[in-house]
Amino acid sequence: MAEPLPFRVPDLKKLVKAAQDMGLPVTGIVVGPDGSIHIKTMDAKENEADATLERWMRNNG
């Protein structure tokens, strides 16, 4: 049986909020089998491209 992870959901929420407070758009969280946590973010260029596409779709859709 697997060992329990050394963190809880509130801990993950704090990490996500900290990343968002730094201006990083969080796209996901990956928890490794060793208990490591990786927060996936979108870089500013990708975020700008998404915003531009959404604006275009609203205006032309």
N, C-alpha and C. Protein backbone atom coordinates (compact mmCIF):
# COMPACT_ATOMS: atom_id res chain seq x y z
N MET A 1 0.83 -1.18 0.00
CA MET A 1 0.00 0.00 0.00
C MET A 1 0.88 1.25 0.00
N ALA A 2 0.46 2.26 -0.71
CA ALA A 2 1.25 3.48 -0.84
C ALA A 2 1.24 4.27 0.46
N GLU A 3 2.35 4.97 0.69
CA GLU A 3 2.43 5.83 1.87
C GLU A 3 1.61 7.09 1.62
N PRO A 4 1.04 7.66 2.68
CA PRO A 4 0.28 8.90 2.50
C PRO A 4 1.23 10.03 2.10
N LEU A 5 0.72 10.95 1.30
CA LEU A 5 1.53 12.07 0.87
C LEU A 5 1.79 13.01 2.04
N PRO A 6 2.94 13.69 2.06
CA PRO A 6 3.29 14.55 3.20
C PRO A 6 2.63 15.93 3.15
N PHE A 7 1.61 16.10 2.34
CA PHE A 7 0.92 17.38 2.24
C PHE A 7 -0.55 17.13 2.00
N ARG A 8 -1.33 18.18 2.16
CA ARG A 8 -2.78 18.09 2.00
C ARG A 8 -3.25 19.10 0.96
N VAL A 9 -4.51 19.03 0.58
CA VAL A 9 -5.08 19.93 -0.42
C VAL A 9 -4.90 21.41 -0.04
N PRO A 10 -5.11 21.80 1.22
CA PRO A 10 -4.88 23.21 1.56
C PRO A 10 -3.45 23.67 1.27
N ASP A 11 -2.48 22.75 1.42
CA ASP A 11 -1.09 23.08 1.10
C ASP A 11 -0.94 23.38 -0.39
N LEU A 12 -1.59 22.57 -1.23
CA LEU A 12 -1.53 22.78 -2.68
C LEU A 12 -2.20 24.10 -3.05
N LYS A 13 -3.31 24.40 -2.39
CA LYS A 13 -4.01 25.66 -2.68
C LYS A 13 -3.13 26.86 -2.34
N LYS A 14 -2.38 26.76 -1.27
CA LYS A 14 -1.46 27.84 -0.90
C LYS A 14 -0.38 28.02 -1.96
N LEU A 15 0.15 26.91 -2.47
CA LEU A 15 1.17 26.98 -3.52
C LEU A 15 0.62 27.62 -4.79
N VAL A 16 -0.59 27.23 -5.18
CA VAL A 16 -1.21 27.79 -6.38
C VAL A 16 -1.44 29.28 -6.18
N LYS A 17 -1.94 29.67 -5.03
CA LYS A 17 -2.21 31.09 -4.77
C LYS A 17 -0.91 31.88 -4.79
N ALA A 18 0.16 31.34 -4.24
CA ALA A 18 1.45 32.03 -4.25
C ALA A 18 1.94 32.24 -5.68
N ALA A 19 1.79 31.22 -6.52
CA ALA A 19 2.20 31.35 -7.92
C ALA A 19 1.35 32.39 -8.63
N GLN A 20 0.04 32.38 -8.38
CA GLN A 20 -0.85 33.36 -9.01
C GLN A 20 -0.55 34.77 -8.51
N ASP A 21 -0.22 34.91 -7.24
CA ASP A 21 0.12 36.22 -6.70
C ASP A 21 1.39 36.78 -7.35
N MET A 22 2.24 35.88 -7.87
CA MET A 22 3.44 36.32 -8.59
C MET A 22 3.14 36.63 -10.05
N GLY A 23 1.88 36.49 -10.44
CA GLY A 23 1.49 36.79 -11.80
C GLY A 23 1.60 35.63 -12.77
N LEU A 24 1.78 34.44 -12.25
CA LEU A 24 1.90 33.26 -13.11
C LEU A 24 0.54 32.61 -13.30
N PRO A 25 0.08 32.44 -14.54
CA PRO A 25 -1.17 31.73 -14.76
C PRO A 25 -0.95 30.22 -14.58
N VAL A 26 -1.54 29.64 -13.54
CA VAL A 26 -1.35 28.23 -13.23
C VAL A 26 -2.26 27.39 -14.12
N THR A 27 -1.67 26.41 -14.80
CA THR A 27 -2.44 25.55 -15.68
C THR A 27 -2.60 24.13 -15.14
N GLY A 28 -1.85 23.79 -14.08
CA GLY A 28 -1.99 22.46 -13.51
C GLY A 28 -0.97 22.19 -12.44
N ILE A 29 -1.15 21.07 -11.76
CA ILE A 29 -0.23 20.61 -10.73
C ILE A 29 0.09 19.17 -11.03
N VAL A 30 1.37 18.82 -10.94
CA VAL A 30 1.79 17.44 -11.12
C VAL A 30 2.45 16.98 -9.83
N VAL A 31 1.94 15.89 -9.28
CA VAL A 31 2.52 15.30 -8.08
C VAL A 31 3.24 14.04 -8.50
N GLY A 32 4.55 14.02 -8.29
CA GLY A 32 5.36 12.88 -8.69
C GLY A 32 5.21 11.72 -7.71
N PRO A 33 5.59 10.52 -8.14
CA PRO A 33 5.48 9.35 -7.28
C PRO A 33 6.34 9.46 -6.02
N ASP A 34 7.36 10.33 -6.08
CA ASP A 34 8.21 10.53 -4.90
C ASP A 34 7.69 11.64 -3.99
N GLY A 35 6.51 12.19 -4.33
CA GLY A 35 5.91 13.24 -3.52
C GLY A 35 6.31 14.64 -3.95
N SER A 36 7.12 14.74 -5.00
CA SER A 36 7.50 16.07 -5.48
C SER A 36 6.31 16.76 -6.13
N ILE A 37 6.28 18.08 -6.05
CA ILE A 37 5.18 18.86 -6.59
C ILE A 37 5.72 19.80 -7.65
N HIS A 38 5.10 19.79 -8.82
CA HIS A 38 5.46 20.70 -9.91
C HIS A 38 4.22 21.48 -10.30
N ILE A 39 4.33 22.80 -10.25
CA ILE A 39 3.22 23.64 -10.66
C ILE A 39 3.45 24.03 -12.12
N LYS A 40 2.50 23.68 -12.98
CA LYS A 40 2.60 24.01 -14.39
C LYS A 40 2.02 25.40 -14.61
N THR A 41 2.77 26.21 -15.32
CA THR A 41 2.32 27.56 -15.62
C THR A 41 2.45 27.83 -17.10
N MET A 42 1.79 28.85 -17.54
CA MET A 42 1.84 29.27 -18.93
C MET A 42 2.70 30.53 -18.97
N ASP A 43 3.65 30.59 -19.88
CA ASP A 43 4.47 31.79 -19.92
C ASP A 43 3.69 32.98 -20.48
N ALA A 44 4.21 34.17 -20.30
CA ALA A 44 3.50 35.39 -20.67
C ALA A 44 3.15 35.43 -22.16
N LYS A 45 4.02 34.92 -23.02
CA LYS A 45 3.75 34.93 -24.46
C LYS A 45 2.55 34.07 -24.79
N GLU A 46 2.47 32.88 -24.19
CA GLU A 46 1.32 32.00 -24.42
C GLU A 46 0.04 32.66 -23.91
N ASN A 47 0.13 33.27 -22.73
CA ASN A 47 -1.03 33.92 -22.14
C ASN A 47 -1.51 35.07 -23.03
N GLU A 48 -0.59 35.86 -23.56
CA GLU A 48 -0.93 36.97 -24.46
C GLU A 48 -1.57 36.45 -25.74
N ALA A 49 -1.02 35.37 -26.28
CA ALA A 49 -1.59 34.78 -27.50
C ALA A 49 -3.01 34.29 -27.26
N ASP A 50 -3.24 33.65 -26.11
CA ASP A 50 -4.60 33.19 -25.79
C ASP A 50 -5.56 34.36 -25.66
N ALA A 51 -5.13 35.43 -24.99
CA ALA A 51 -5.99 36.60 -24.81
C ALA A 51 -6.30 37.24 -26.17
N THR A 52 -5.30 37.31 -27.05
CA THR A 52 -5.50 37.89 -28.38
C THR A 52 -6.50 37.05 -29.18
N LEU A 53 -6.36 35.74 -29.13
CA LEU A 53 -7.28 34.85 -29.83
C LEU A 53 -8.70 35.00 -29.29
N GLU A 54 -8.84 35.04 -27.99
CA GLU A 54 -10.17 35.19 -27.40
C GLU A 54 -10.82 36.51 -27.81
N ARG A 55 -10.04 37.60 -27.82
CA ARG A 55 -10.58 38.90 -28.27
C ARG A 55 -11.03 38.81 -29.72
N TRP A 56 -10.22 38.19 -30.57
CA TRP A 56 -10.56 38.07 -31.98
C TRP A 56 -11.85 37.26 -32.15
N MET A 57 -11.97 36.16 -31.40
CA MET A 57 -13.15 35.31 -31.50
C MET A 57 -14.41 36.06 -31.04
N ARG A 58 -14.27 36.85 -29.97
CA ARG A 58 -15.42 37.64 -29.51
C ARG A 58 -15.87 38.64 -30.57
N ASN A 59 -14.93 39.28 -31.23
CA ASN A 59 -15.23 40.32 -32.20
C ASN A 59 -15.66 39.76 -33.56
N ASN A 60 -15.28 38.53 -33.86
CA ASN A 60 -15.55 37.97 -35.19
C ASN A 60 -16.40 36.71 -35.15
N GLY A 61 -16.88 36.37 -34.00
CA GLY A 61 -17.49 35.09 -33.86
C GLY A 61 -18.93 34.99 -33.91
